[in-house]
């Protein structure tokens, strides 16, 4: 798990594209950043996709799930 989980979950309280997410985190929108930061949270069920399984869909957007909200609450206590 990476050290930016709390930041990413907080930012994804707003439904957004990967580009917007990575801009907010001051990261480049590259597949290595997706694999390092976003994919683990999707795999854990803490972040959901509008088009599951379609990483390159131009309309893809991401948001925090209920499970992610519970984790975020634990991290911010």
PDB file of N, CA and C in Angstrom:
ATOM      1  N   UNK A   1       0.854  -1.184   0.000  1.00  0.00           N
ATOM      2  CA  UNK A   1       0.000   0.000   0.000  1.00  0.00           C
ATOM      3  C   UNK A   1       0.890   1.234   0.000  1.00  0.00           C
ATOM      4  N   UNK A   2       0.474   2.237  -0.703  1.00  0.00           N
ATOM      5  CA  UNK A   2       1.258   3.461  -0.804  1.00  0.00           C
ATOM      6  C   UNK A   2       0.916   4.442   0.317  1.00  0.00           C
ATOM      7  N   UNK A   3       1.729   5.461   0.440  1.00  0.00           N
ATOM      8  CA  UNK A   3       1.590   6.412   1.542  1.00  0.00           C
ATOM      9  C   UNK A   3       0.602   7.545   1.255  1.00  0.00           C
ATOM     10  N   UNK A   4      -0.072   7.504   0.111  1.00  0.00           N
ATOM     11  CA  UNK A   4      -0.987   8.585  -0.248  1.00  0.00           C
ATOM     12  C   UNK A   4      -2.448   8.139  -0.270  1.00  0.00           C
ATOM     13  N   UNK A   5      -2.746   7.060   0.446  1.00  0.00           N
ATOM     14  CA  UNK A   5      -4.105   6.520   0.476  1.00  0.00           C
ATOM     15  C   UNK A   5      -5.094   7.551   0.995  1.00  0.00           C
ATOM     16  N   UNK A   6      -4.783   8.139   2.134  1.00  0.00           N
ATOM     17  CA  UNK A   6      -5.702   9.107   2.743  1.00  0.00           C
ATOM     18  C   UNK A   6      -5.963  10.274   1.793  1.00  0.00           C
ATOM     19  N   UNK A   7      -4.923  10.799   1.199  1.00  0.00           N
ATOM     20  CA  UNK A   7      -5.064  11.920   0.268  1.00  0.00           C
ATOM     21  C   UNK A   7      -5.952  11.537  -0.916  1.00  0.00           C
ATOM     22  N   UNK A   8      -5.691  10.368  -1.488  1.00  0.00           N
ATOM     23  CA  UNK A   8      -6.450   9.946  -2.661  1.00  0.00           C
ATOM     24  C   UNK A   8      -7.917   9.721  -2.315  1.00  0.00           C
ATOM     25  N   UNK A   9      -8.191   9.058  -1.200  1.00  0.00           N
ATOM     26  CA  UNK A   9      -9.581   8.827  -0.805  1.00  0.00           C
ATOM     27  C   UNK A   9     -10.301  10.133  -0.534  1.00  0.00           C
ATOM     28  N   UNK A  10      -9.630  11.074   0.104  1.00  0.00           N
ATOM     29  CA  UNK A  10     -10.241  12.376   0.378  1.00  0.00           C
ATOM     30  C   UNK A  10     -10.580  13.088  -0.930  1.00  0.00           C
ATOM     31  N   UNK A  11      -9.655  13.107  -1.858  1.00  0.00           N
ATOM     32  CA  UNK A  11      -9.877  13.786  -3.145  1.00  0.00           C
ATOM     33  C   UNK A  11     -11.027  13.122  -3.897  1.00  0.00           C
ATOM     34  N   UNK A  12     -11.113  11.799  -3.819  1.00  0.00           N
ATOM     35  CA  UNK A  12     -12.151  11.080  -4.559  1.00  0.00           C
ATOM     36  C   UNK A  12     -13.519  11.142  -3.888  1.00  0.00           C
ATOM     37  N   UNK A  13     -13.650  11.955  -2.848  1.00  0.00           N
ATOM     38  CA  UNK A  13     -14.987  12.237  -2.324  1.00  0.00           C
ATOM     39  C   UNK A  13     -15.801  12.945  -3.398  1.00  0.00           C
ATOM     40  N   UNK A  14     -15.089  13.543  -4.362  1.00  0.00           N
ATOM     41  CA  UNK A  14     -15.705  14.137  -5.543  1.00  0.00           C
ATOM     42  C   UNK A  14     -15.472  13.189  -6.711  1.00  0.00           C
ATOM     43  N   UNK A  15     -16.503  12.897  -7.446  1.00  0.00           N
ATOM     44  CA  UNK A  15     -16.464  12.020  -8.613  1.00  0.00           C
ATOM     45  C   UNK A  15     -15.620  12.703  -9.695  1.00  0.00           C
ATOM     46  N   UNK A  16     -14.541  12.061 -10.171  1.00  0.00           N
ATOM     47  CA  UNK A  16     -13.655  12.741 -11.115  1.00  0.00           C
ATOM     48  C   UNK A  16     -12.898  11.798 -12.029  1.00  0.00           C
ATOM     49  N   UNK A  17     -12.301  12.385 -13.056  1.00  0.00           N
ATOM     50  CA  UNK A  17     -11.480  11.628 -13.989  1.00  0.00           C
ATOM     51  C   UNK A  17     -10.111  11.364 -13.373  1.00  0.00           C
ATOM     52  N   UNK A  18      -9.389  10.427 -13.965  1.00  0.00           N
ATOM     53  CA  UNK A  18      -8.036  10.131 -13.497  1.00  0.00           C
ATOM     54  C   UNK A  18      -7.140  11.346 -13.671  1.00  0.00           C
ATOM     55  N   UNK A  19      -7.291  12.062 -14.778  1.00  0.00           N
ATOM     56  CA  UNK A  19      -6.475  13.257 -15.007  1.00  0.00           C
ATOM     57  C   UNK A  19      -6.701  14.278 -13.898  1.00  0.00           C
ATOM     58  N   UNK A  20      -7.954  14.529 -13.547  1.00  0.00           N
ATOM     59  CA  UNK A  20      -8.260  15.487 -12.479  1.00  0.00           C
ATOM     60  C   UNK A  20      -7.715  15.016 -11.132  1.00  0.00           C
ATOM     61  N   UNK A  21      -7.844  13.725 -10.870  1.00  0.00           N
ATOM     62  CA  UNK A  21      -7.320  13.155  -9.625  1.00  0.00           C
ATOM     63  C   UNK A  21      -5.812  13.359  -9.533  1.00  0.00           C
ATOM     64  N   UNK A  22      -5.096  12.976 -10.570  1.00  0.00           N
ATOM     65  CA  UNK A  22      -3.643  13.090 -10.541  1.00  0.00           C
ATOM     66  C   UNK A  22      -3.190  14.547 -10.552  1.00  0.00           C
ATOM     67  N   UNK A  23      -3.928  15.417 -11.201  1.00  0.00           N
ATOM     68  CA  UNK A  23      -3.611  16.854 -11.122  1.00  0.00           C
ATOM     69  C   UNK A  23      -3.724  17.331  -9.676  1.00  0.00           C
ATOM     70  N   UNK A  24      -4.779  16.921  -8.993  1.00  0.00           N
ATOM     71  CA  UNK A  24      -4.981  17.333  -7.602  1.00  0.00           C
ATOM     72  C   UNK A  24      -3.887  16.781  -6.686  1.00  0.00           C
ATOM     73  N   UNK A  25      -3.320  15.625  -7.058  1.00  0.00           N
ATOM     74  CA  UNK A  25      -2.257  15.007  -6.264  1.00  0.00           C
ATOM     75  C   UNK A  25      -0.868  15.438  -6.734  1.00  0.00           C
ATOM     76  N   UNK A  26      -0.818  16.282  -7.745  1.00  0.00           N
ATOM     77  CA  UNK A  26       0.445  16.738  -8.330  1.00  0.00           C
ATOM     78  C   UNK A  26       1.262  15.564  -8.876  1.00  0.00           C
ATOM     79  N   UNK A  27       0.573  14.652  -9.578  1.00  0.00           N
ATOM     80  CA  UNK A  27       1.194  13.510 -10.233  1.00  0.00           C
ATOM     81  C   UNK A  27       0.911  13.584 -11.728  1.00  0.00           C
ATOM     82  N   UNK A  28       1.748  12.944 -12.527  1.00  0.00           N
ATOM     83  CA  UNK A  28       1.484  12.868 -13.959  1.00  0.00           C
ATOM     84  C   UNK A  28       0.497  11.735 -14.227  1.00  0.00           C
ATOM     85  N   UNK A  29      -0.295  11.885 -15.268  1.00  0.00           N
ATOM     86  CA  UNK A  29      -1.299  10.894 -15.627  1.00  0.00           C
ATOM     87  C   UNK A  29      -0.651   9.812 -16.492  1.00  0.00           C
ATOM     88  N   UNK A  30       0.131   8.969 -15.855  1.00  0.00           N
ATOM     89  CA  UNK A  30       0.829   7.895 -16.546  1.00  0.00           C
ATOM     90  C   UNK A  30       0.376   6.553 -15.986  1.00  0.00           C
ATOM     91  N   UNK A  31       0.531   5.506 -16.807  1.00  0.00           N
ATOM     92  CA  UNK A  31       0.073   4.183 -16.379  1.00  0.00           C
ATOM     93  C   UNK A  31       0.821   3.694 -15.139  1.00  0.00           C
ATOM     94  N   UNK A  32       2.074   4.090 -14.965  1.00  0.00           N
ATOM     95  CA  UNK A  32       2.799   3.645 -13.768  1.00  0.00           C
ATOM     96  C   UNK A  32       2.202   4.268 -12.504  1.00  0.00           C
ATOM     97  N   UNK A  33       1.741   5.510 -12.577  1.00  0.00           N
ATOM     98  CA  UNK A  33       1.086   6.125 -11.422  1.00  0.00           C
ATOM     99  C   UNK A  33      -0.282   5.492 -11.181  1.00  0.00           C
ATOM    100  N   UNK A  34      -0.988   5.160 -12.256  1.00  0.00           N
ATOM    101  CA  UNK A  34      -2.267   4.460 -12.097  1.00  0.00           C
ATOM    102  C   UNK A  34      -2.041   3.121 -11.399  1.00  0.00           C
ATOM    103  N   UNK A  35      -1.034   2.370 -11.841  1.00  0.00           N
ATOM    104  CA  UNK A  35      -0.747   1.055 -11.265  1.00  0.00           C
ATOM    105  C   UNK A  35      -0.300   1.162  -9.806  1.00  0.00           C
ATOM    106  N   UNK A  36       0.442   2.206  -9.476  1.00  0.00           N
ATOM    107  CA  UNK A  36       0.959   2.359  -8.117  1.00  0.00           C
ATOM    108  C   UNK A  36      -0.074   2.922  -7.144  1.00  0.00           C
ATOM    109  N   UNK A  37      -0.839   3.906  -7.578  1.00  0.00           N
ATOM    110  CA  UNK A  37      -1.715   4.626  -6.660  1.00  0.00           C
ATOM    111  C   UNK A  37      -3.196   4.264  -6.768  1.00  0.00           C
ATOM    112  N   UNK A  38      -3.710   4.151  -7.972  1.00  0.00           N
ATOM    113  CA  UNK A  38      -5.150   3.983  -8.137  1.00  0.00           C
ATOM    114  C   UNK A  38      -5.591   2.523  -8.153  1.00  0.00           C
ATOM    115  N   UNK A  39      -4.897   1.687  -8.909  1.00  0.00           N
ATOM    116  CA  UNK A  39      -5.308   0.285  -9.034  1.00  0.00           C
ATOM    117  C   UNK A  39      -5.399  -0.455  -7.701  1.00  0.00           C
ATOM    118  N   UNK A  40      -4.457  -0.284  -6.766  1.00  0.00           N
ATOM    119  CA  UNK A  40      -4.597  -0.992  -5.487  1.00  0.00           C
ATOM    120  C   UNK A  40      -5.881  -0.634  -4.732  1.00  0.00           C
ATOM    121  N   UNK A  41      -6.295   0.618  -4.801  1.00  0.00           N
ATOM    122  CA  UNK A  41      -7.514   1.029  -4.093  1.00  0.00           C
ATOM    123  C   UNK A  41      -8.755   0.494  -4.787  1.00  0.00           C
ATOM    124  N   UNK A  42      -8.705   0.382  -6.112  1.00  0.00           N
ATOM    125  CA  UNK A  42      -9.813  -0.228  -6.848  1.00  0.00           C
ATOM    126  C   UNK A  42      -9.899  -1.708  -6.483  1.00  0.00           C
ATOM    127  N   UNK A  43      -8.762  -2.383  -6.465  1.00  0.00           N
ATOM    128  CA  UNK A  43      -8.732  -3.817  -6.150  1.00  0.00           C
ATOM    129  C   UNK A  43      -9.221  -4.114  -4.737  1.00  0.00           C
ATOM    130  N   UNK A  44      -8.992  -3.189  -3.804  1.00  0.00           N
ATOM    131  CA  UNK A  44      -9.468  -3.353  -2.435  1.00  0.00           C
ATOM    132  C   UNK A  44     -10.948  -3.001  -2.276  1.00  0.00           C
ATOM    133  N   UNK A  45     -11.526  -2.390  -3.302  1.00  0.00           N
ATOM    134  CA  UNK A  45     -12.927  -1.990  -3.232  1.00  0.00           C
ATOM    135  C   UNK A  45     -13.142  -0.655  -2.543  1.00  0.00           C
ATOM    136  N   UNK A  46     -12.087   0.134  -2.395  1.00  0.00           N
ATOM    137  CA  UNK A  46     -12.195   1.442  -1.744  1.00  0.00           C
ATOM    138  C   UNK A  46     -12.495   2.551  -2.737  1.00  0.00           C
ATOM    139  N   UNK A  47     -12.281   2.281  -4.021  1.00  0.00           N
ATOM    140  CA  UNK A  47     -12.561   3.228  -5.100  1.00  0.00           C
ATOM    141  C   UNK A  47     -13.307   2.467  -6.189  1.00  0.00           C
ATOM    142  N   UNK A  48     -14.324   3.102  -6.767  1.00  0.00           N
ATOM    143  CA  UNK A  48     -15.078   2.464  -7.843  1.00  0.00           C
ATOM    144  C   UNK A  48     -14.885   3.228  -9.147  1.00  0.00           C
ATOM    145  N   UNK A  49     -15.177   2.533 -10.231  1.00  0.00           N
ATOM    146  CA  UNK A  49     -15.081   3.102 -11.573  1.00  0.00           C
ATOM    147  C   UNK A  49     -16.474   3.144 -12.193  1.00  0.00           C
ATOM    148  N   UNK A  50     -16.714   4.116 -13.066  1.00  0.00           N
ATOM    149  CA  UNK A  50     -17.969   4.141 -13.808  1.00  0.00           C
ATOM    150  C   UNK A  50     -18.035   2.998 -14.813  1.00  0.00           C
ATOM    151  N   UNK A  51     -16.891   2.636 -15.386  1.00  0.00           N
ATOM    152  CA  UNK A  51     -16.800   1.569 -16.384  1.00  0.00           C
ATOM    153  C   UNK A  51     -15.777   0.545 -15.909  1.00  0.00           C
ATOM    154  N   UNK A  52     -16.178  -0.347 -14.995  1.00  0.00           N
ATOM    155  CA  UNK A  52     -15.232  -1.314 -14.431  1.00  0.00           C
ATOM    156  C   UNK A  52     -14.533  -2.133 -15.514  1.00  0.00           C
ATOM    157  N   UNK A  53     -13.244  -2.312 -15.323  1.00  0.00           N
ATOM    158  CA  UNK A  53     -12.459  -3.110 -16.253  1.00  0.00           C
ATOM    159  C   UNK A  53     -12.014  -2.382 -17.507  1.00  0.00           C
ATOM    160  N   UNK A  54     -12.439  -1.150 -17.687  1.00  0.00           N
ATOM    161  CA  UNK A  54     -12.073  -0.370 -18.868  1.00  0.00           C
ATOM    162  C   UNK A  54     -11.169   0.786 -18.444  1.00  0.00           C
ATOM    163  N   UNK A  55      -9.892   0.516 -18.294  1.00  0.00           N
ATOM    164  CA  UNK A  55      -8.958   1.532 -17.814  1.00  0.00           C
ATOM    165  C   UNK A  55      -8.768   2.676 -18.807  1.00  0.00           C
ATOM    166  N   UNK A  56      -9.014   2.422 -20.097  1.00  0.00           N
ATOM    167  CA  UNK A  56      -8.749   3.454 -21.102  1.00  0.00           C
ATOM    168  C   UNK A  56     -10.014   4.117 -21.645  1.00  0.00           C
ATOM    169  N   UNK A  57     -11.159   3.865 -21.048  1.00  0.00           N
ATOM    170  CA  UNK A  57     -12.388   4.507 -21.497  1.00  0.00           C
ATOM    171  C   UNK A  57     -12.278   6.009 -21.274  1.00  0.00           C
ATOM    172  N   UNK A  58     -12.493   6.827 -22.320  1.00  0.00           N
ATOM    173  CA  UNK A  58     -12.333   8.280 -22.165  1.00  0.00           C
ATOM    174  C   UNK A  58     -13.347   8.917 -21.216  1.00  0.00           C
ATOM    175  N   UNK A  59     -14.430   8.210 -20.930  1.00  0.00           N
ATOM    176  CA  UNK A  59     -15.451   8.732 -20.012  1.00  0.00           C
ATOM    177  C   UNK A  59     -15.303   8.183 -18.600  1.00  0.00           C
ATOM    178  N   UNK A  60     -14.231   7.432 -18.354  1.00  0.00           N
ATOM    179  CA  UNK A  60     -14.018   6.803 -17.048  1.00  0.00           C
ATOM    180  C   UNK A  60     -13.888   7.856 -15.954  1.00  0.00           C
ATOM    181  N   UNK A  61     -14.604   7.630 -14.874  1.00  0.00           N
ATOM    182  CA  UNK A  61     -14.522   8.489 -13.700  1.00  0.00           C
ATOM    183  C   UNK A  61     -14.442   7.599 -12.470  1.00  0.00           C
ATOM    184  N   UNK A  62     -13.908   8.149 -11.396  1.00  0.00           N
ATOM    185  CA  UNK A  62     -13.649   7.389 -10.182  1.00  0.00           C
ATOM    186  C   UNK A  62     -14.283   8.099  -8.993  1.00  0.00           C
ATOM    187  N   UNK A  63     -14.632   7.297  -7.974  1.00  0.00           N
ATOM    188  CA  UNK A  63     -15.170   7.872  -6.742  1.00  0.00           C
ATOM    189  C   UNK A  63     -14.911   6.902  -5.597  1.00  0.00           C
ATOM    190  N   UNK A  64     -14.933   7.446  -4.402  1.00  0.00           N
ATOM    191  CA  UNK A  64     -14.740   6.643  -3.197  1.00  0.00           C
ATOM    192  C   UNK A  64     -15.993   5.797  -2.960  1.00  0.00           C
ATOM    193  N   UNK A  65     -15.798   4.578  -2.463  1.00  0.00           N
ATOM    194  CA  UNK A  65     -16.922   3.695  -2.130  1.00  0.00           C
ATOM    195  C   UNK A  65     -17.255   3.839  -0.648  1.00  0.00           C
ATOM    196  N   UNK A  66     -18.307   3.167  -0.214  1.00  0.00           N
ATOM    197  CA  UNK A  66     -18.647   3.180   1.215  1.00  0.00           C
ATOM    198  C   UNK A  66     -17.507   2.586   2.037  1.00  0.00           C
ATOM    199  N   UNK A  67     -16.908   1.510   1.538  1.00  0.00           N
ATOM    200  CA  UNK A  67     -15.773   0.901   2.245  1.00  0.00           C
ATOM    201  C   UNK A  67     -14.617   1.898   2.323  1.00  0.00           C
ATOM    202  N   UNK A  68     -14.373   2.611   1.240  1.00  0.00           N
ATOM    203  CA  UNK A  68     -13.324   3.625   1.227  1.00  0.00           C
ATOM    204  C   UNK A  68     -13.620   4.747   2.209  1.00  0.00           C
ATOM    205  N   UNK A  69     -14.888   5.119   2.320  1.00  0.00           N
ATOM    206  CA  UNK A  69     -15.267   6.160   3.276  1.00  0.00           C
ATOM    207  C   UNK A  69     -14.996   5.706   4.713  1.00  0.00           C
ATOM    208  N   UNK A  70     -15.255   4.433   4.999  1.00  0.00           N
ATOM    209  CA  UNK A  70     -14.976   3.908   6.343  1.00  0.00           C
ATOM    210  C   UNK A  70     -13.471   3.928   6.628  1.00  0.00           C
ATOM    211  N   UNK A  71     -12.662   3.538   5.640  1.00  0.00           N
ATOM    212  CA  UNK A  71     -11.213   3.566   5.809  1.00  0.00           C
ATOM    213  C   UNK A  71     -10.736   4.989   6.005  1.00  0.00           C
ATOM    214  N   UNK A  72     -11.250   5.910   5.204  1.00  0.00           N
ATOM    215  CA  UNK A  72     -10.862   7.322   5.332  1.00  0.00           C
ATOM    216  C   UNK A  72     -11.196   7.836   6.726  1.00  0.00           C
ATOM    217  N   UNK A  73     -12.351   7.468   7.226  1.00  0.00           N
ATOM    218  CA  UNK A  73     -12.736   7.899   8.582  1.00  0.00           C
ATOM    219  C   UNK A  73     -11.744   7.366   9.621  1.00  0.00           C
ATOM    220  N   UNK A  74     -11.348   6.107   9.482  1.00  0.00           N
ATOM    221  CA  UNK A  74     -10.365   5.531  10.411  1.00  0.00           C
ATOM    222  C   UNK A  74      -9.015   6.241  10.306  1.00  0.00           C
ATOM    223  N   UNK A  75      -8.622   6.583   9.087  1.00  0.00           N
ATOM    224  CA  UNK A  75      -7.331   7.235   8.878  1.00  0.00           C
ATOM    225  C   UNK A  75      -7.280   8.659   9.407  1.00  0.00           C
ATOM    226  N   UNK A  76      -8.432   9.307   9.480  1.00  0.00           N
ATOM    227  CA  UNK A  76      -8.466  10.711   9.896  1.00  0.00           C
ATOM    228  C   UNK A  76      -8.775  10.886  11.375  1.00  0.00           C
ATOM    229  N   UNK A  77      -8.927   9.797  12.099  1.00  0.00           N
ATOM    230  CA  UNK A  77      -9.218   9.906  13.537  1.00  0.00           C
ATOM    231  C   UNK A  77      -7.960  10.161  14.322  1.00  0.00           C
TER     232      UNK A  77
END
